Amino acid sequence: MKRTITIAALALTSILVLSACADNTEGENTDTTTIATTSAPDTTETTGATTDPETETGAAGEVSAEHNDADIMFAQMMIPHHQQAVGMSEILLAKDDIPAEVIEFAQGVIDAQGPEIDRMNTMLETWEEDPVTGDMGEMDHGGMSGMMSEEDMTALEDAQGTEAARLYLEQMTAHHEGAVDMARDEVTDGQNPQAIALAEQVIEDQEAEIAEMEQMLNEL
């Protein structure tokens, strides 16, 4: 009888020891998991805003002092070129009976080229050159690529309705083609990265607008 009790007691003791070992092992695993989780670096934490290279070097970035004569000429000639395009668009918008799509296009020219004029004047100021004023933009630049003569502007002022819309689109197409030629010269000969980027933007935008104007002319 005593032998049976002794064996039973030993068996119970073994069970308790094994259970304690298992609990201890589970606790260690839990602690290890907790330590690994809390010590791992948070890879989702941001380290600060990144800088878009286009903001630094593109058409909208800060203007660098690096430039050459081609950059100066590009800005000095493109500003009055843009000013005339804005003026032509304002003339058209003051008229009645202009197709809605042509009105929308003319307003888009003003919205796009106004800020580009400011941008190019900023370039000239950065390069210690005189900005181009509105008075200079109103001068007769008939010899500049794509520019309208005084007679052309008078014809646009006198035209009405659909005929005014047609004349505007024809004149602005030639005007845009001249701007693209000037911008290509800047891309080839210029040095300033912001001026070159702006010239590339002019080429892209105005070539697309030329195609748009051709379609509108076909629909008038």
N, C-alpha and C. Protein backbone atom coordinates (compact mmCIF):
# COMPACT_ATOMS: atom_id res chain seq x y z
N MET A 1 0.84 -1.20 0.00
CA MET A 1 0.00 0.00 0.00
C MET A 1 0.87 1.24 0.00
N LYS A 2 1.89 1.29 0.92
CA LYS A 2 2.80 2.41 0.96
C LYS A 2 3.52 2.59 -0.37
N ARG A 3 3.86 1.47 -1.02
CA ARG A 3 4.54 1.55 -2.31
C ARG A 3 3.66 2.22 -3.35
N THR A 4 2.36 1.89 -3.32
CA THR A 4 1.42 2.48 -4.28
C THR A 4 1.30 3.97 -4.07
N ILE A 5 1.21 4.40 -2.79
CA ILE A 5 1.08 5.84 -2.48
C ILE A 5 2.33 6.57 -2.92
N THR A 6 3.49 5.96 -2.68
CA THR A 6 4.76 6.61 -3.06
C THR A 6 4.85 6.81 -4.56
N ILE A 7 4.46 5.80 -5.32
CA ILE A 7 4.50 5.90 -6.79
C ILE A 7 3.56 6.99 -7.28
N ALA A 8 2.37 7.03 -6.66
CA ALA A 8 1.38 8.05 -7.06
C ALA A 8 1.89 9.44 -6.76
N ALA A 9 2.56 9.57 -5.61
CA ALA A 9 3.09 10.90 -5.24
C ALA A 9 4.18 11.33 -6.20
N LEU A 10 5.04 10.40 -6.57
CA LEU A 10 6.10 10.72 -7.53
C LEU A 10 5.52 11.13 -8.89
N ALA A 11 4.48 10.43 -9.30
CA ALA A 11 3.85 10.74 -10.59
C ALA A 11 3.25 12.14 -10.58
N LEU A 12 2.58 12.49 -9.44
CA LEU A 12 1.97 13.82 -9.33
C LEU A 12 3.03 14.90 -9.34
N THR A 13 4.14 14.62 -8.65
CA THR A 13 5.24 15.59 -8.61
C THR A 13 5.80 15.83 -10.01
N SER A 14 5.95 14.78 -10.80
CA SER A 14 6.47 14.90 -12.17
C SER A 14 5.55 15.75 -13.03
N ILE A 15 4.24 15.55 -12.85
CA ILE A 15 3.26 16.32 -13.64
C ILE A 15 3.37 17.80 -13.33
N LEU A 16 3.49 18.12 -12.02
CA LEU A 16 3.58 19.53 -11.61
C LEU A 16 4.84 20.18 -12.14
N VAL A 17 5.95 19.44 -12.12
CA VAL A 17 7.22 19.98 -12.62
C VAL A 17 7.13 20.26 -14.12
N LEU A 18 6.57 19.32 -14.86
CA LEU A 18 6.44 19.49 -16.31
C LEU A 18 5.53 20.67 -16.64
N SER A 19 4.44 20.83 -15.89
CA SER A 19 3.52 21.94 -16.12
C SER A 19 4.19 23.27 -15.87
N ALA A 20 4.99 23.33 -14.81
CA ALA A 20 5.70 24.58 -14.49
C ALA A 20 6.70 24.93 -15.57
N CYS A 21 7.38 23.93 -16.10
CA CYS A 21 8.35 24.17 -17.18
C CYS A 21 7.67 24.71 -18.43
N ALA A 22 6.50 24.12 -18.72
CA ALA A 22 5.76 24.55 -19.91
C ALA A 22 5.32 25.99 -19.78
N ASP A 23 4.80 26.35 -18.57
CA ASP A 23 4.37 27.74 -18.34
C ASP A 23 5.52 28.70 -18.46
N ASN A 24 6.67 28.32 -17.94
CA ASN A 24 7.85 29.19 -17.99
C ASN A 24 8.32 29.40 -19.43
N THR A 25 8.28 28.31 -20.24
CA THR A 25 8.69 28.40 -21.64
C THR A 25 7.77 29.32 -22.42
N GLU A 26 6.44 29.22 -22.13
CA GLU A 26 5.47 30.07 -22.83
C GLU A 26 5.69 31.53 -22.48
N GLY A 27 6.00 31.79 -21.21
CA GLY A 27 6.27 33.16 -20.79
C GLY A 27 7.49 33.72 -21.47
N GLU A 28 8.53 32.89 -21.60
CA GLU A 28 9.74 33.36 -22.27
C GLU A 28 9.47 33.68 -23.73
N ASN A 29 8.67 32.82 -24.39
CA ASN A 29 8.35 33.07 -25.79
C ASN A 29 7.57 34.37 -25.95
N THR A 30 6.64 34.60 -25.01
CA THR A 30 5.84 35.83 -25.07
C THR A 30 6.72 37.04 -24.88
N ASP A 31 7.65 36.95 -23.90
CA ASP A 31 8.56 38.07 -23.65
C ASP A 31 9.44 38.34 -24.85
N THR A 32 9.92 37.25 -25.48
CA THR A 32 10.78 37.40 -26.65
C THR A 32 10.03 38.08 -27.79
N THR A 33 8.76 37.65 -27.98
CA THR A 33 7.95 38.26 -29.03
C THR A 33 7.71 39.73 -28.77
N THR A 34 7.43 40.06 -27.50
CA THR A 34 7.18 41.45 -27.13
C THR A 34 8.40 42.30 -27.37
N ILE A 35 9.58 41.79 -26.98
CA ILE A 35 10.82 42.53 -27.16
C ILE A 35 11.09 42.76 -28.64
N ALA A 36 10.90 41.70 -29.45
CA ALA A 36 11.17 41.81 -30.89
C ALA A 36 10.23 42.83 -31.53
N THR A 37 8.95 42.84 -31.05
CA THR A 37 7.98 43.76 -31.63
C THR A 37 8.30 45.20 -31.29
N THR A 38 8.63 45.44 -30.01
CA THR A 38 8.86 46.82 -29.58
C THR A 38 10.19 47.36 -30.04
N SER A 39 11.16 46.48 -30.31
CA SER A 39 12.48 46.97 -30.70
C SER A 39 12.62 47.15 -32.20
N ALA A 40 11.68 46.59 -32.98
CA ALA A 40 11.78 46.72 -34.44
C ALA A 40 11.53 48.16 -34.84
N PRO A 41 12.28 48.70 -35.77
CA PRO A 41 12.10 50.09 -36.19
C PRO A 41 10.79 50.29 -36.92
N ASP A 42 10.16 51.46 -36.74
CA ASP A 42 8.91 51.80 -37.42
C ASP A 42 9.23 52.29 -38.82
N THR A 43 9.01 51.41 -39.77
CA THR A 43 9.39 51.75 -41.15
C THR A 43 8.39 52.68 -41.80
N THR A 44 7.22 52.91 -41.13
CA THR A 44 6.22 53.79 -41.73
C THR A 44 6.41 55.23 -41.32
N GLU A 45 7.31 55.51 -40.40
CA GLU A 45 7.51 56.87 -39.94
C GLU A 45 8.19 57.69 -41.03
N THR A 46 7.66 58.87 -41.29
CA THR A 46 8.25 59.72 -42.31
C THR A 46 9.40 60.50 -41.73
N THR A 47 10.38 60.77 -42.55
CA THR A 47 11.56 61.49 -42.10
C THR A 47 11.56 62.92 -42.60
N GLY A 48 10.44 63.38 -43.16
CA GLY A 48 10.38 64.75 -43.65
C GLY A 48 9.92 64.77 -45.10
N ALA A 49 9.44 65.93 -45.54
CA ALA A 49 8.94 66.06 -46.91
C ALA A 49 10.07 65.92 -47.90
N THR A 50 9.79 65.21 -48.98
CA THR A 50 10.79 65.08 -50.04
C THR A 50 10.67 66.25 -50.99
N THR A 51 11.71 66.54 -51.69
CA THR A 51 11.74 67.66 -52.62
C THR A 51 11.56 67.15 -54.04
N ASP A 52 10.57 67.70 -54.70
CA ASP A 52 10.32 67.34 -56.10
C ASP A 52 11.38 68.01 -56.96
N PRO A 53 12.18 67.22 -57.71
CA PRO A 53 13.22 67.84 -58.54
C PRO A 53 12.66 68.86 -59.51
N GLU A 54 11.41 68.66 -59.99
CA GLU A 54 10.82 69.60 -60.93
C GLU A 54 10.63 70.96 -60.29
N THR A 55 10.33 70.94 -58.95
CA THR A 55 10.14 72.21 -58.25
C THR A 55 11.43 73.00 -58.20
N GLU A 56 12.56 72.29 -58.10
CA GLU A 56 13.85 72.96 -57.96
C GLU A 56 14.42 73.41 -59.30
N THR A 57 14.24 72.61 -60.34
CA THR A 57 14.93 72.90 -61.60
C THR A 57 13.99 73.16 -62.76
N GLY A 58 12.70 72.90 -62.60
CA GLY A 58 11.78 73.04 -63.71
C GLY A 58 11.29 74.45 -63.91
N ALA A 59 10.25 74.58 -64.74
CA ALA A 59 9.74 75.90 -65.10
C ALA A 59 9.23 76.66 -63.89
N ALA A 60 8.79 75.95 -62.84
CA ALA A 60 8.22 76.62 -61.68
C ALA A 60 9.21 76.77 -60.53
N GLY A 61 10.44 76.32 -60.69
CA GLY A 61 11.41 76.38 -59.60
C GLY A 61 12.03 77.75 -59.45
N GLU A 62 12.83 77.90 -58.41
CA GLU A 62 13.55 79.16 -58.20
C GLU A 62 14.50 79.40 -59.37
N VAL A 63 14.53 80.63 -59.84
CA VAL A 63 15.34 80.96 -61.01
C VAL A 63 16.81 81.06 -60.61
N SER A 64 17.65 80.33 -61.31
CA SER A 64 19.08 80.39 -61.04
C SER A 64 19.71 81.56 -61.79
N ALA A 65 20.84 82.01 -61.28
CA ALA A 65 21.54 83.14 -61.92
C ALA A 65 22.23 82.73 -63.21
N GLU A 66 22.43 81.43 -63.39
CA GLU A 66 23.12 80.94 -64.59
C GLU A 66 22.29 81.26 -65.83
N HIS A 67 22.88 81.94 -66.80
CA HIS A 67 22.15 82.27 -68.02
C HIS A 67 23.13 82.74 -69.08
N ASN A 68 22.61 82.84 -70.31
CA ASN A 68 23.41 83.40 -71.40
C ASN A 68 22.53 84.37 -72.21
N ASP A 69 23.08 84.87 -73.29
CA ASP A 69 22.35 85.86 -74.09
C ASP A 69 21.07 85.28 -74.70
N ALA A 70 21.09 83.99 -75.02
CA ALA A 70 19.90 83.37 -75.60
C ALA A 70 18.75 83.35 -74.60
N ASP A 71 19.06 83.13 -73.33
CA ASP A 71 18.02 83.16 -72.29
C ASP A 71 17.40 84.54 -72.18
N ILE A 72 18.25 85.57 -72.19
CA ILE A 72 17.75 86.94 -72.09
C ILE A 72 16.86 87.27 -73.29
N MET A 73 17.33 86.92 -74.47
CA MET A 73 16.54 87.20 -75.68
C MET A 73 15.21 86.46 -75.65
N PHE A 74 15.22 85.22 -75.20
CA PHE A 74 13.99 84.44 -75.12
C PHE A 74 12.96 85.15 -74.25
N ALA A 75 13.36 85.57 -73.06
CA ALA A 75 12.42 86.24 -72.16
C ALA A 75 11.98 87.59 -72.72
N GLN A 76 12.93 88.37 -73.22
CA GLN A 76 12.60 89.71 -73.71
C GLN A 76 11.70 89.68 -74.93
N MET A 77 11.78 88.64 -75.73
CA MET A 77 10.94 88.54 -76.92
C MET A 77 9.63 87.80 -76.63
N MET A 78 9.68 86.80 -75.76
CA MET A 78 8.47 86.03 -75.50
C MET A 78 7.47 86.81 -74.65
N ILE A 79 7.94 87.73 -73.81
CA ILE A 79 7.01 88.50 -73.00
C ILE A 79 6.07 89.34 -73.86
N PRO A 80 6.58 90.20 -74.77
CA PRO A 80 5.63 90.94 -75.62
C PRO A 80 4.82 90.03 -76.53
N HIS A 81 5.39 88.89 -76.90
CA HIS A 81 4.65 87.92 -77.71
C HIS A 81 3.45 87.42 -76.92
N HIS A 82 3.67 87.06 -75.66
CA HIS A 82 2.57 86.62 -74.79
C HIS A 82 1.58 87.77 -74.55
N GLN A 83 2.10 88.97 -74.34
CA GLN A 83 1.23 90.11 -74.07
C GLN A 83 0.28 90.36 -75.24
N GLN A 84 0.77 90.18 -76.45
CA GLN A 84 -0.11 90.37 -77.61
C GLN A 84 -1.17 89.28 -77.66
N ALA A 85 -0.80 88.04 -77.32
CA ALA A 85 -1.78 86.96 -77.30
C ALA A 85 -2.88 87.24 -76.28
N VAL A 86 -2.49 87.76 -75.12
CA VAL A 86 -3.48 88.14 -74.10
C VAL A 86 -4.36 89.26 -74.63
N GLY A 87 -3.75 90.25 -75.29
CA GLY A 87 -4.53 91.36 -75.84
C GLY A 87 -5.51 90.90 -76.90
N MET A 88 -5.09 90.01 -77.78
CA MET A 88 -5.98 89.48 -78.80
C MET A 88 -7.16 88.75 -78.17
N SER A 89 -6.89 88.00 -77.13
CA SER A 89 -7.94 87.24 -76.45
C SER A 89 -8.92 88.18 -75.75
N GLU A 90 -8.41 89.25 -75.16
CA GLU A 90 -9.29 90.22 -74.50
C GLU A 90 -10.18 90.93 -75.52
N ILE A 91 -9.64 91.23 -76.69
CA ILE A 91 -10.45 91.84 -77.75
C ILE A 91 -11.61 90.92 -78.11
N LEU A 92 -11.31 89.64 -78.28
CA LEU A 92 -12.36 88.69 -78.66
C LEU A 92 -13.42 88.55 -77.57
N LEU A 93 -12.98 88.49 -76.31
CA LEU A 93 -13.92 88.27 -75.21
C LEU A 93 -14.87 89.45 -75.03
N ALA A 94 -14.51 90.61 -75.55
CA ALA A 94 -15.38 91.79 -75.43
C ALA A 94 -16.48 91.79 -76.48
N LYS A 95 -16.46 90.84 -77.39
CA LYS A 95 -17.44 90.81 -78.49
C LYS A 95 -18.63 89.92 -78.15
N ASP A 96 -19.73 90.15 -78.85
CA ASP A 96 -20.93 89.32 -78.72
C ASP A 96 -20.95 88.24 -79.80
N ASP A 97 -21.78 87.24 -79.54
CA ASP A 97 -22.05 86.18 -80.53
C ASP A 97 -20.80 85.40 -80.92
N ILE A 98 -19.92 85.18 -79.95
CA ILE A 98 -18.74 84.34 -80.18
C ILE A 98 -19.07 82.93 -79.68
N PRO A 99 -18.75 81.88 -80.45
CA PRO A 99 -19.03 80.51 -80.00
C PRO A 99 -18.41 80.23 -78.63
N ALA A 100 -19.14 79.47 -77.83
CA ALA A 100 -18.73 79.23 -76.44
C ALA A 100 -17.35 78.58 -76.35
N GLU A 101 -17.06 77.65 -77.26
CA GLU A 101 -15.78 76.96 -77.17
C GLU A 101 -14.61 77.89 -77.49
N VAL A 102 -14.86 78.89 -78.35
CA VAL A 102 -13.81 79.86 -78.66
C VAL A 102 -13.61 80.81 -77.49
N ILE A 103 -14.70 81.19 -76.83
CA ILE A 103 -14.60 82.02 -75.62
C ILE A 103 -13.78 81.30 -74.55
N GLU A 104 -14.08 80.03 -74.35
CA GLU A 104 -13.35 79.24 -73.35
C GLU A 104 -11.87 79.15 -73.70
N PHE A 105 -11.58 78.98 -74.97
CA PHE A 105 -10.18 78.88 -75.40
C PHE A 105 -9.46 80.20 -75.15
N ALA A 106 -10.08 81.32 -75.52
CA ALA A 106 -9.46 82.63 -75.35
C ALA A 106 -9.19 82.92 -73.87
N GLN A 107 -10.12 82.55 -73.01
CA GLN A 107 -9.90 82.74 -71.58
C GLN A 107 -8.75 81.88 -71.09
N GLY A 108 -8.63 80.68 -71.65
CA GLY A 108 -7.51 79.81 -71.29
C GLY A 108 -6.17 80.39 -71.67
N VAL A 109 -6.11 81.08 -72.81
CA VAL A 109 -4.87 81.75 -73.23
C VAL A 109 -4.47 82.80 -72.20
N ILE A 110 -5.44 83.59 -71.75
CA ILE A 110 -5.16 84.62 -70.75
C ILE A 110 -4.67 83.99 -69.45
N ASP A 111 -5.37 82.95 -69.01
CA ASP A 111 -5.04 82.31 -67.73
C ASP A 111 -3.66 81.67 -67.75
N ALA A 112 -3.25 81.14 -68.91
CA ALA A 112 -1.96 80.46 -69.00
C ALA A 112 -0.81 81.43 -69.22
N GLN A 113 -1.00 82.40 -70.09
CA GLN A 113 0.13 83.23 -70.50
C GLN A 113 0.39 84.40 -69.56
N GLY A 114 -0.63 84.83 -68.81
CA GLY A 114 -0.40 85.88 -67.82
C GLY A 114 0.66 85.49 -66.80
N PRO A 115 0.52 84.33 -66.14
CA PRO A 115 1.55 83.90 -65.18
C PRO A 115 2.91 83.66 -65.83
N GLU A 116 2.92 83.23 -67.09
CA GLU A 116 4.21 83.02 -67.77
C GLU A 116 4.92 84.35 -68.01
N ILE A 117 4.16 85.40 -68.27
CA ILE A 117 4.76 86.73 -68.40
C ILE A 117 5.44 87.13 -67.09
N ASP A 118 4.73 86.94 -65.99
CA ASP A 118 5.32 87.26 -64.67
C ASP A 118 6.56 86.43 -64.42
N ARG A 119 6.51 85.17 -64.81
CA ARG A 119 7.65 84.28 -64.60
C ARG A 119 8.88 84.76 -65.37
N MET A 120 8.68 85.15 -66.61
CA MET A 120 9.82 85.59 -67.42
C MET A 120 10.37 86.93 -66.94
N ASN A 121 9.51 87.81 -66.43
CA ASN A 121 10.01 89.05 -65.85
C ASN A 121 10.83 88.77 -64.60
N THR A 122 10.42 87.77 -63.83
CA THR A 122 11.22 87.36 -62.67
C THR A 122 12.59 86.88 -63.11
N MET A 123 12.64 86.14 -64.21
CA MET A 123 13.92 85.69 -64.74
C MET A 123 14.81 86.89 -65.08
N LEU A 124 14.24 87.86 -65.78
CA LEU A 124 15.03 89.03 -66.18
C LEU A 124 15.55 89.79 -64.96
N GLU A 125 14.71 89.93 -63.95
CA GLU A 125 15.14 90.62 -62.73
C GLU A 125 16.26 89.85 -62.03
N THR A 126 16.15 88.52 -62.02
CA THR A 126 17.19 87.69 -61.41
C THR A 126 18.51 87.87 -62.14
N TRP A 127 18.44 88.05 -63.45
CA TRP A 127 19.66 88.23 -64.26
C TRP A 127 20.09 89.69 -64.35
N GLU A 128 19.43 90.55 -63.54
CA GLU A 128 19.74 91.98 -63.48
C GLU A 128 19.51 92.66 -64.83
N GLU A 129 18.44 92.23 -65.49
CA GLU A 129 17.99 92.85 -66.73
C GLU A 129 16.67 93.56 -66.46
N ASP A 130 16.38 94.60 -67.23
CA ASP A 130 15.13 95.34 -67.04
C ASP A 130 13.94 94.47 -67.43
N PRO A 131 12.88 94.47 -66.61
CA PRO A 131 11.67 93.73 -66.99
C PRO A 131 11.00 94.38 -68.18
N VAL A 132 10.19 93.61 -68.88
CA VAL A 132 9.46 94.12 -70.04
C VAL A 132 8.12 94.64 -69.56
N THR A 133 7.86 95.93 -69.77
CA THR A 133 6.62 96.54 -69.29
C THR A 133 5.50 96.35 -70.30
N GLY A 134 4.29 96.70 -69.86
CA GLY A 134 3.14 96.60 -70.75
C GLY A 134 3.27 97.49 -71.96
N ASP A 135 3.89 98.67 -71.77
CA ASP A 135 4.06 99.59 -72.90
C ASP A 135 4.93 98.96 -73.98
N MET A 136 5.98 98.23 -73.55
CA MET A 136 6.85 97.58 -74.53
C MET A 136 6.09 96.49 -75.27
N GLY A 137 5.17 95.83 -74.56
CA GLY A 137 4.40 94.77 -75.19
C GLY A 137 3.40 95.29 -76.21
N GLU A 138 3.05 96.59 -76.08
CA GLU A 138 2.08 97.17 -77.01
C GLU A 138 2.75 97.76 -78.24
N MET A 139 4.07 97.74 -78.30
CA MET A 139 4.78 98.27 -79.47
C MET A 139 4.54 97.38 -80.68
N ASP A 140 4.81 97.91 -81.84
CA ASP A 140 4.65 97.15 -83.08
C ASP A 140 5.82 96.19 -83.23
N HIS A 141 5.53 94.89 -83.09
CA HIS A 141 6.57 93.87 -83.24
C HIS A 141 6.27 93.01 -84.46
N GLY A 142 5.86 93.65 -85.54
CA GLY A 142 5.45 92.91 -86.72
C GLY A 142 6.52 92.01 -87.28
N GLY A 143 7.80 92.35 -87.01
CA GLY A 143 8.88 91.52 -87.54
C GLY A 143 9.19 90.31 -86.69
N MET A 144 8.61 90.22 -85.48
CA MET A 144 8.86 89.08 -84.60
C MET A 144 8.03 87.88 -85.06
N SER A 145 8.57 86.69 -84.90
CA SER A 145 7.93 85.49 -85.40
C SER A 145 6.51 85.32 -84.86
N GLY A 146 5.55 85.31 -85.77
CA GLY A 146 4.16 85.07 -85.40
C GLY A 146 3.41 86.26 -84.87
N MET A 147 4.07 87.41 -84.71
CA MET A 147 3.40 88.58 -84.15
C MET A 147 2.46 89.22 -85.18
N MET A 148 1.35 89.74 -84.69
CA MET A 148 0.39 90.43 -85.54
C MET A 148 0.83 91.89 -85.74
N SER A 149 0.58 92.40 -86.92
CA SER A 149 0.85 93.81 -87.21
C SER A 149 -0.29 94.66 -86.67
N GLU A 150 -0.12 95.96 -86.71
CA GLU A 150 -1.19 96.86 -86.28
C GLU A 150 -2.43 96.66 -87.14
N GLU A 151 -2.21 96.42 -88.43
CA GLU A 151 -3.34 96.18 -89.33
C GLU A 151 -4.08 94.91 -88.95
N ASP A 152 -3.34 93.87 -88.56
CA ASP A 152 -3.97 92.62 -88.13
C ASP A 152 -4.83 92.85 -86.89
N MET A 153 -4.30 93.60 -85.94
CA MET A 153 -5.04 93.86 -84.70
C MET A 153 -6.29 94.68 -84.99
N THR A 154 -6.18 95.64 -85.89
CA THR A 154 -7.34 96.45 -86.26
C THR A 154 -8.42 95.60 -86.91
N ALA A 155 -8.00 94.67 -87.75
CA ALA A 155 -8.95 93.78 -88.41
C ALA A 155 -9.70 92.93 -87.38
N LEU A 156 -8.99 92.47 -86.36
CA LEU A 156 -9.63 91.68 -85.31
C LEU A 156 -10.61 92.54 -84.51
N GLU A 157 -10.23 93.76 -84.23
CA GLU A 157 -11.12 94.66 -83.50
C GLU A 157 -12.40 94.94 -84.27
N ASP A 158 -12.29 95.04 -85.59
CA ASP A 158 -13.45 95.39 -86.41
C ASP A 158 -14.36 94.20 -86.70
N ALA A 159 -13.84 93.00 -86.66
CA ALA A 159 -14.64 91.82 -86.99
C ALA A 159 -15.67 91.54 -85.90
N GLN A 160 -16.75 90.88 -86.30
CA GLN A 160 -17.84 90.59 -85.35
C GLN A 160 -18.29 89.14 -85.49
N GLY A 161 -18.86 88.62 -84.42
CA GLY A 161 -19.50 87.31 -84.44
C GLY A 161 -18.59 86.18 -84.88
N THR A 162 -19.16 85.32 -85.72
CA THR A 162 -18.42 84.14 -86.18
C THR A 162 -17.18 84.53 -86.97
N GLU A 163 -17.26 85.62 -87.72
CA GLU A 163 -16.10 86.07 -88.49
C GLU A 163 -14.97 86.49 -87.56
N ALA A 164 -15.30 87.12 -86.45
CA ALA A 164 -14.29 87.50 -85.47
C ALA A 164 -13.65 86.25 -84.85
N ALA A 165 -14.47 85.25 -84.56
CA ALA A 165 -13.95 84.01 -84.00
C ALA A 165 -13.00 83.33 -84.98
N ARG A 166 -13.40 83.31 -86.25
CA ARG A 166 -12.56 82.68 -87.27
C ARG A 166 -11.22 83.42 -87.41
N LEU A 167 -11.29 84.76 -87.48
CA LEU A 167 -10.07 85.54 -87.63
C LEU A 167 -9.17 85.38 -86.42
N TYR A 168 -9.76 85.36 -85.23
CA TYR A 168 -8.98 85.16 -84.00
C TYR A 168 -8.24 83.83 -84.05
N LEU A 169 -8.92 82.77 -84.42
CA LEU A 169 -8.30 81.44 -84.44
C LEU A 169 -7.20 81.37 -85.49
N GLU A 170 -7.43 81.98 -86.64
CA GLU A 170 -6.40 81.99 -87.69
C GLU A 170 -5.17 82.78 -87.24
N GLN A 171 -5.41 83.94 -86.66
CA GLN A 171 -4.29 84.75 -86.20
C GLN A 171 -3.55 84.08 -85.04
N MET A 172 -4.31 83.50 -84.11
CA MET A 172 -3.67 82.89 -82.94
C MET A 172 -2.91 81.63 -83.33
N THR A 173 -3.35 80.94 -84.36
CA THR A 173 -2.60 79.78 -84.84
C THR A 173 -1.22 80.21 -85.33
N ALA A 174 -1.18 81.25 -86.16
CA ALA A 174 0.11 81.77 -86.63
C ALA A 174 0.94 82.30 -85.46
N HIS A 175 0.27 82.92 -84.51
CA HIS A 175 0.94 83.46 -83.33
C HIS A 175 1.59 82.34 -82.52
N HIS A 176 0.85 81.26 -82.30
CA HIS A 176 1.38 80.11 -81.56
C HIS A 176 2.55 79.46 -82.31
N GLU A 177 2.43 79.36 -83.61
CA GLU A 177 3.52 78.76 -84.39
C GLU A 177 4.81 79.57 -84.23
N GLY A 178 4.67 80.89 -84.18
CA GLY A 178 5.85 81.73 -83.94
C GLY A 178 6.42 81.51 -82.55
N ALA A 179 5.56 81.36 -81.55
CA ALA A 179 6.02 81.12 -80.18
C ALA A 179 6.76 79.79 -80.09
N VAL A 180 6.26 78.78 -80.77
CA VAL A 180 6.92 77.47 -80.76
C VAL A 180 8.32 77.57 -81.38
N ASP A 181 8.44 78.32 -82.47
CA ASP A 181 9.76 78.51 -83.10
C ASP A 181 10.73 79.20 -82.14
N MET A 182 10.26 80.23 -81.45
CA MET A 182 11.10 80.94 -80.50
C MET A 182 11.50 80.04 -79.34
N ALA A 183 10.57 79.24 -78.87
CA ALA A 183 10.85 78.34 -77.75
C ALA A 183 11.86 77.27 -78.15
N ARG A 184 11.77 76.79 -79.37
CA ARG A 184 12.74 75.79 -79.84
C ARG A 184 14.15 76.38 -79.90
N ASP A 185 14.25 77.64 -80.29
CA ASP A 185 15.56 78.29 -80.28
C ASP A 185 16.14 78.33 -78.87
N GLU A 186 15.27 78.60 -77.89
CA GLU A 186 15.74 78.64 -76.50
C GLU A 186 16.20 77.27 -76.03
N VAL A 187 15.45 76.24 -76.37
CA VAL A 187 15.85 74.88 -75.97
C VAL A 187 17.21 74.52 -76.56
N THR A 188 17.46 74.96 -77.79
CA THR A 188 18.72 74.65 -78.46
C THR A 188 19.88 75.50 -77.94
N ASP A 189 19.63 76.79 -77.74
CA ASP A 189 20.73 77.73 -77.47
C ASP A 189 20.79 78.21 -76.02
N GLY A 190 19.73 78.05 -75.26
CA GLY A 190 19.69 78.59 -73.91
C GLY A 190 20.58 77.83 -72.93
N GLN A 191 20.79 78.45 -71.78
CA GLN A 191 21.63 77.86 -70.73
C GLN A 191 20.88 77.71 -69.41
N ASN A 192 20.01 78.65 -69.09
CA ASN A 192 19.31 78.62 -67.81
C ASN A 192 18.31 77.48 -67.77
N PRO A 193 18.37 76.61 -66.77
CA PRO A 193 17.48 75.43 -66.75
C PRO A 193 16.01 75.79 -66.62
N GLN A 194 15.69 76.86 -65.89
CA GLN A 194 14.29 77.23 -65.75
C GLN A 194 13.73 77.82 -67.04
N ALA A 195 14.54 78.62 -67.74
CA ALA A 195 14.10 79.18 -69.02
C ALA A 195 13.90 78.07 -70.05
N ILE A 196 14.80 77.11 -70.07
CA ILE A 196 14.67 75.99 -71.01
C ILE A 196 13.43 75.18 -70.69
N ALA A 197 13.19 74.94 -69.40
CA ALA A 197 12.00 74.17 -69.00
C ALA A 197 10.72 74.91 -69.40
N LEU A 198 10.72 76.23 -69.24
CA LEU A 198 9.55 77.01 -69.65
C LEU A 198 9.36 76.93 -71.16
N ALA A 199 10.45 77.01 -71.91
CA ALA A 199 10.36 76.91 -73.36
C ALA A 199 9.79 75.56 -73.78
N GLU A 200 10.22 74.50 -73.11
CA GLU A 200 9.69 73.17 -73.42
C GLU A 200 8.20 73.10 -73.11
N GLN A 201 7.78 73.77 -72.04
CA GLN A 201 6.36 73.79 -71.70
C GLN A 201 5.56 74.56 -72.74
N VAL A 202 6.12 75.67 -73.21
CA VAL A 202 5.46 76.45 -74.26
C VAL A 202 5.26 75.60 -75.51
N ILE A 203 6.29 74.86 -75.90
CA ILE A 203 6.19 74.00 -77.08
C ILE A 203 5.07 72.98 -76.91
N GLU A 204 5.07 72.31 -75.77
CA GLU A 204 4.07 71.27 -75.52
C GLU A 204 2.65 71.84 -75.51
N ASP A 205 2.46 72.93 -74.78
CA ASP A 205 1.12 73.50 -74.64
C ASP A 205 0.62 74.09 -75.95
N GLN A 206 1.46 74.84 -76.62
CA GLN A 206 0.97 75.57 -77.79
C GLN A 206 0.82 74.68 -79.01
N GLU A 207 1.61 73.62 -79.12
CA GLU A 207 1.37 72.67 -80.20
C GLU A 207 0.02 71.99 -80.02
N ALA A 208 -0.32 71.67 -78.78
CA ALA A 208 -1.63 71.07 -78.51
C ALA A 208 -2.75 72.06 -78.81
N GLU A 209 -2.53 73.33 -78.49
CA GLU A 209 -3.55 74.34 -78.75
C GLU A 209 -3.70 74.62 -80.25
N ILE A 210 -2.62 74.52 -81.00
CA ILE A 210 -2.72 74.67 -82.46
C ILE A 210 -3.66 73.61 -83.04
N ALA A 211 -3.49 72.37 -82.58
CA ALA A 211 -4.37 71.30 -83.05
C ALA A 211 -5.82 71.56 -82.64
N GLU A 212 -6.00 72.09 -81.43
CA GLU A 212 -7.36 72.40 -80.95
C GLU A 212 -7.99 73.51 -81.79
N MET A 213 -7.20 74.53 -82.14
CA MET A 213 -7.74 75.62 -82.96
C MET A 213 -8.09 75.16 -84.36
N GLU A 214 -7.29 74.28 -84.92
CA GLU A 214 -7.59 73.74 -86.24
C GLU A 214 -8.93 73.02 -86.24
N GLN A 215 -9.20 72.28 -85.17
CA GLN A 215 -10.47 71.57 -85.06
C GLN A 215 -11.63 72.56 -84.93
N MET A 216 -11.45 73.61 -84.14
CA MET A 216 -12.51 74.61 -83.99
C MET A 216 -12.78 75.33 -85.31
N LEU A 217 -11.72 75.62 -86.06
CA LEU A 217 -11.90 76.27 -87.36
C LEU A 217 -12.71 75.39 -88.30
N ASN A 218 -12.45 74.11 -88.26
CA ASN A 218 -13.19 73.18 -89.13
C ASN A 218 -14.66 73.11 -88.76
N GLU A 219 -14.97 73.42 -87.51
CA GLU A 219 -16.35 73.30 -87.03
C GLU A 219 -17.13 74.61 -87.13
N LEU A 220 -16.47 75.72 -87.47
CA LEU A 220 -17.17 77.00 -87.59
C LEU A 220 -18.02 77.06 -88.87
